[in-house]
Amino acid sequence: AKKWINIRKSYGNFYKVPRNQTKLTIMLEQLGMNYDGRPHSGLDDSKNIARIAIRMLQDGCELRVNEQMHAGQLMTVSSAAPLEGAPAPQMPRYRN
């Protein structure tokens, strides 16, 4: 794979949150989801990332390639037209 979508970058840009708020468990928590499976399991991490991507698409995000390898170097791919983001997700409110 020479091009991919870095979900952390996409999440941070779309929901307008700082990089330190884009760890997998934090992203899930802010979207009102629990982590499913075992932490650091490749399969479980992938499933949870897919759940985040689905939610972002439902919220109106247009996921685009944002990173690539070029001549052995990691490069950021800029989009031709900036996309508008959605408001940052709010923690779900629980009724007592």
N, C-alpha and C. Protein backbone atom coordinates (compact mmCIF):
# COMPACT_ATOMS: atom_id res chain seq x y z
N ALA A 1 0.85 -1.19 0.00
CA ALA A 1 0.00 0.00 0.00
C ALA A 1 0.89 1.24 0.00
N LYS A 2 0.67 2.10 -0.94
CA LYS A 2 1.44 3.33 -1.02
C LYS A 2 0.62 4.55 -0.65
N LYS A 3 -0.70 4.39 -0.58
CA LYS A 3 -1.59 5.49 -0.18
C LYS A 3 -2.62 4.93 0.78
N TRP A 4 -3.02 5.73 1.75
CA TRP A 4 -4.00 5.29 2.73
C TRP A 4 -4.66 6.47 3.40
N ILE A 5 -5.69 6.14 4.19
CA ILE A 5 -6.38 7.14 5.00
C ILE A 5 -5.92 6.95 6.44
N ASN A 6 -5.31 7.97 7.01
CA ASN A 6 -4.95 7.96 8.42
C ASN A 6 -6.20 8.45 9.16
N ILE A 7 -6.89 7.51 9.79
CA ILE A 7 -8.18 7.84 10.43
C ILE A 7 -8.00 8.86 11.55
N ARG A 8 -6.85 8.85 12.22
CA ARG A 8 -6.62 9.83 13.29
C ARG A 8 -6.59 11.25 12.72
N LYS A 9 -5.91 11.43 11.59
CA LYS A 9 -5.87 12.75 10.95
C LYS A 9 -7.26 13.16 10.48
N SER A 10 -7.95 12.22 9.83
CA SER A 10 -9.29 12.52 9.32
C SER A 10 -10.23 12.89 10.47
N TYR A 11 -10.18 12.14 11.54
CA TYR A 11 -11.03 12.39 12.71
C TYR A 11 -10.74 13.76 13.30
N GLY A 12 -9.46 14.06 13.52
CA GLY A 12 -9.07 15.34 14.10
C GLY A 12 -9.48 16.52 13.24
N ASN A 13 -9.29 16.40 11.93
CA ASN A 13 -9.68 17.48 11.02
C ASN A 13 -11.19 17.63 10.94
N PHE A 14 -11.91 16.53 10.88
CA PHE A 14 -13.36 16.58 10.70
C PHE A 14 -14.06 17.11 11.95
N TYR A 15 -13.69 16.58 13.11
CA TYR A 15 -14.35 16.98 14.35
C TYR A 15 -13.65 18.16 15.04
N LYS A 16 -12.58 18.65 14.43
CA LYS A 16 -11.85 19.81 14.96
C LYS A 16 -11.36 19.56 16.39
N VAL A 17 -10.66 18.45 16.57
CA VAL A 17 -10.09 18.13 17.88
C VAL A 17 -8.57 18.03 17.75
N PRO A 18 -7.84 18.33 18.82
CA PRO A 18 -6.37 18.27 18.76
C PRO A 18 -5.87 16.83 18.65
N ARG A 19 -4.64 16.70 18.19
CA ARG A 19 -4.02 15.39 17.96
C ARG A 19 -4.06 14.50 19.21
N ASN A 20 -3.93 15.08 20.40
CA ASN A 20 -3.94 14.25 21.61
C ASN A 20 -5.33 13.69 21.92
N GLN A 21 -6.33 14.07 21.14
CA GLN A 21 -7.68 13.53 21.33
C GLN A 21 -8.02 12.51 20.23
N THR A 22 -6.99 12.00 19.53
CA THR A 22 -7.25 11.08 18.44
C THR A 22 -6.70 9.68 18.69
N LYS A 23 -6.54 9.32 19.94
CA LYS A 23 -6.18 7.93 20.25
C LYS A 23 -7.45 7.10 20.10
N LEU A 24 -7.28 5.86 19.71
CA LEU A 24 -8.42 5.00 19.40
C LEU A 24 -9.47 4.97 20.51
N THR A 25 -9.05 4.74 21.74
CA THR A 25 -10.02 4.65 22.84
C THR A 25 -10.73 5.98 23.08
N ILE A 26 -10.01 7.09 22.91
CA ILE A 26 -10.61 8.41 23.11
C ILE A 26 -11.62 8.70 22.00
N MET A 27 -11.26 8.38 20.76
CA MET A 27 -12.19 8.61 19.64
C MET A 27 -13.48 7.84 19.87
N LEU A 28 -13.36 6.57 20.24
CA LEU A 28 -14.55 5.75 20.50
C LEU A 28 -15.38 6.35 21.62
N GLU A 29 -14.72 6.72 22.71
CA GLU A 29 -15.42 7.28 23.86
C GLU A 29 -16.18 8.55 23.48
N GLN A 30 -15.53 9.42 22.72
CA GLN A 30 -16.17 10.69 22.36
C GLN A 30 -17.33 10.47 21.40
N LEU A 31 -17.34 9.36 20.70
CA LEU A 31 -18.45 9.04 19.81
C LEU A 31 -19.52 8.21 20.53
N GLY A 32 -19.33 7.98 21.84
CA GLY A 32 -20.31 7.24 22.63
C GLY A 32 -20.24 5.74 22.42
N MET A 33 -19.08 5.24 22.01
CA MET A 33 -18.91 3.81 21.76
C MET A 33 -17.94 3.21 22.76
N ASN A 34 -18.10 1.93 23.01
CA ASN A 34 -17.16 1.18 23.83
C ASN A 34 -16.17 0.47 22.93
N TYR A 35 -14.96 0.21 23.44
CA TYR A 35 -13.98 -0.58 22.70
C TYR A 35 -14.47 -2.02 22.69
N ASP A 36 -14.57 -2.62 21.52
CA ASP A 36 -14.96 -4.03 21.40
C ASP A 36 -13.72 -4.88 21.22
N GLY A 37 -13.55 -5.90 22.05
CA GLY A 37 -12.44 -6.83 21.89
C GLY A 37 -11.30 -6.56 22.84
N ARG A 38 -10.13 -7.07 22.45
CA ARG A 38 -8.91 -6.93 23.25
C ARG A 38 -8.07 -5.78 22.71
N PRO A 39 -7.63 -4.88 23.59
CA PRO A 39 -6.75 -3.78 23.13
C PRO A 39 -5.48 -4.32 22.48
N HIS A 40 -5.05 -3.66 21.44
CA HIS A 40 -3.83 -3.96 20.71
C HIS A 40 -3.91 -5.26 19.92
N SER A 41 -5.10 -5.83 19.78
CA SER A 41 -5.31 -6.95 18.88
C SER A 41 -5.53 -6.34 17.50
N GLY A 42 -4.74 -6.73 16.52
CA GLY A 42 -4.86 -6.14 15.19
C GLY A 42 -6.26 -6.24 14.63
N LEU A 43 -6.88 -7.41 14.77
CA LEU A 43 -8.23 -7.60 14.24
C LEU A 43 -9.24 -6.73 14.98
N ASP A 44 -9.16 -6.71 16.32
CA ASP A 44 -10.11 -5.91 17.10
C ASP A 44 -9.90 -4.41 16.88
N ASP A 45 -8.63 -3.98 16.80
CA ASP A 45 -8.36 -2.57 16.50
C ASP A 45 -8.96 -2.20 15.15
N SER A 46 -8.79 -3.07 14.16
CA SER A 46 -9.32 -2.80 12.81
C SER A 46 -10.83 -2.67 12.82
N LYS A 47 -11.50 -3.55 13.55
CA LYS A 47 -12.96 -3.49 13.64
C LYS A 47 -13.41 -2.18 14.30
N ASN A 48 -12.70 -1.77 15.34
CA ASN A 48 -13.07 -0.53 16.02
C ASN A 48 -12.80 0.69 15.14
N ILE A 49 -11.70 0.67 14.39
CA ILE A 49 -11.41 1.76 13.45
C ILE A 49 -12.51 1.83 12.39
N ALA A 50 -12.96 0.67 11.91
CA ALA A 50 -14.05 0.63 10.92
C ALA A 50 -15.32 1.24 11.50
N ARG A 51 -15.61 0.97 12.77
CA ARG A 51 -16.80 1.56 13.41
C ARG A 51 -16.69 3.08 13.46
N ILE A 52 -15.49 3.59 13.73
CA ILE A 52 -15.27 5.04 13.74
C ILE A 52 -15.47 5.60 12.34
N ALA A 53 -14.91 4.93 11.33
CA ALA A 53 -15.04 5.39 9.95
C ALA A 53 -16.51 5.43 9.53
N ILE A 54 -17.26 4.41 9.87
CA ILE A 54 -18.69 4.37 9.54
C ILE A 54 -19.41 5.55 10.18
N ARG A 55 -19.11 5.82 11.44
CA ARG A 55 -19.76 6.93 12.14
C ARG A 55 -19.39 8.26 11.48
N MET A 56 -18.12 8.42 11.10
CA MET A 56 -17.70 9.65 10.45
C MET A 56 -18.44 9.84 9.13
N LEU A 57 -18.60 8.77 8.35
CA LEU A 57 -19.35 8.85 7.11
C LEU A 57 -20.81 9.23 7.37
N GLN A 58 -21.40 8.65 8.41
CA GLN A 58 -22.78 8.98 8.78
C GLN A 58 -22.90 10.45 9.18
N ASP A 59 -21.84 10.99 9.78
CA ASP A 59 -21.84 12.40 10.20
C ASP A 59 -21.51 13.35 9.05
N GLY A 60 -21.26 12.80 7.86
CA GLY A 60 -21.03 13.64 6.69
C GLY A 60 -19.59 13.80 6.26
N CYS A 61 -18.68 13.07 6.87
CA CYS A 61 -17.27 13.16 6.48
C CYS A 61 -17.05 12.48 5.14
N GLU A 62 -16.23 13.09 4.32
CA GLU A 62 -15.81 12.48 3.06
C GLU A 62 -14.37 12.02 3.26
N LEU A 63 -14.22 10.73 3.51
CA LEU A 63 -12.88 10.19 3.79
C LEU A 63 -12.07 10.17 2.51
N ARG A 64 -10.86 10.72 2.57
CA ARG A 64 -9.96 10.79 1.42
C ARG A 64 -8.56 10.32 1.83
N VAL A 65 -7.81 9.84 0.86
CA VAL A 65 -6.41 9.49 1.10
C VAL A 65 -5.72 10.72 1.66
N ASN A 66 -5.00 10.57 2.78
CA ASN A 66 -4.32 11.72 3.37
C ASN A 66 -2.85 11.45 3.69
N GLU A 67 -2.37 10.26 3.38
CA GLU A 67 -0.96 9.95 3.56
C GLU A 67 -0.51 9.01 2.45
N GLN A 68 0.78 9.08 2.12
CA GLN A 68 1.34 8.18 1.11
C GLN A 68 2.83 8.01 1.33
N MET A 69 3.36 6.96 0.75
CA MET A 69 4.81 6.75 0.73
C MET A 69 5.30 7.20 -0.64
N HIS A 70 6.35 8.01 -0.64
CA HIS A 70 6.95 8.45 -1.89
C HIS A 70 8.46 8.43 -1.70
N ALA A 71 9.12 7.64 -2.51
CA ALA A 71 10.57 7.49 -2.43
C ALA A 71 11.02 7.12 -1.02
N GLY A 72 10.23 6.24 -0.37
CA GLY A 72 10.58 5.78 0.97
C GLY A 72 10.28 6.76 2.09
N GLN A 73 9.63 7.86 1.77
CA GLN A 73 9.32 8.88 2.78
C GLN A 73 7.81 8.99 2.97
N LEU A 74 7.38 9.12 4.23
CA LEU A 74 5.97 9.35 4.54
C LEU A 74 5.63 10.78 4.18
N MET A 75 4.57 10.96 3.41
CA MET A 75 4.17 12.30 3.00
C MET A 75 2.68 12.49 3.26
N THR A 76 2.33 13.71 3.66
CA THR A 76 0.93 14.07 3.81
C THR A 76 0.38 14.44 2.44
N VAL A 77 -0.83 13.97 2.15
CA VAL A 77 -1.50 14.30 0.90
C VAL A 77 -2.51 15.39 1.21
N SER A 78 -2.35 16.53 0.57
CA SER A 78 -3.31 17.60 0.81
C SER A 78 -4.47 17.46 -0.16
N SER A 79 -5.64 17.82 0.29
CA SER A 79 -6.80 17.76 -0.59
C SER A 79 -6.88 19.03 -1.41
N ALA A 80 -7.40 18.94 -2.60
CA ALA A 80 -7.51 20.10 -3.47
C ALA A 80 -8.51 21.11 -2.91
N ALA A 81 -9.58 20.62 -2.33
CA ALA A 81 -10.59 21.51 -1.76
C ALA A 81 -10.80 21.14 -0.30
N PRO A 82 -10.70 22.12 0.59
CA PRO A 82 -10.92 21.80 2.00
C PRO A 82 -12.36 21.36 2.25
N LEU A 83 -12.51 20.41 3.16
CA LEU A 83 -13.83 19.91 3.52
C LEU A 83 -14.27 20.55 4.82
N GLU A 84 -15.54 20.84 4.89
CA GLU A 84 -16.08 21.38 6.13
C GLU A 84 -16.23 20.25 7.14
N GLY A 85 -15.95 20.52 8.38
CA GLY A 85 -16.08 19.52 9.43
C GLY A 85 -17.38 19.64 10.18
N ALA A 86 -17.62 18.68 10.99
CA ALA A 86 -18.79 18.67 11.86
C ALA A 86 -18.35 19.13 13.23
N PRO A 87 -19.29 19.50 14.08
CA PRO A 87 -18.91 19.85 15.45
C PRO A 87 -18.30 18.64 16.16
N ALA A 88 -17.46 18.90 17.12
CA ALA A 88 -16.84 17.82 17.88
C ALA A 88 -17.92 16.97 18.53
N PRO A 89 -17.71 15.65 18.57
CA PRO A 89 -18.72 14.79 19.19
C PRO A 89 -18.83 15.11 20.67
N GLN A 90 -20.03 15.01 21.18
CA GLN A 90 -20.30 15.28 22.59
C GLN A 90 -20.47 13.95 23.31
N MET A 91 -20.06 13.94 24.57
CA MET A 91 -20.25 12.74 25.37
C MET A 91 -21.75 12.51 25.53
N PRO A 92 -22.19 11.25 25.42
CA PRO A 92 -23.62 10.99 25.59
C PRO A 92 -24.08 11.35 26.99
N ARG A 93 -25.26 11.86 27.07
CA ARG A 93 -25.83 12.21 28.38
C ARG A 93 -26.69 11.05 28.86
N TYR A 94 -26.46 10.67 30.09
CA TYR A 94 -27.19 9.54 30.66
C TYR A 94 -28.25 10.06 31.61
N ARG A 95 -29.39 9.44 31.53
CA ARG A 95 -30.48 9.80 32.44
C ARG A 95 -30.39 8.94 33.69
N ASN A 96 -30.65 9.57 34.80
CA ASN A 96 -30.64 8.83 36.08
C ASN A 96 -32.00 8.29 36.39
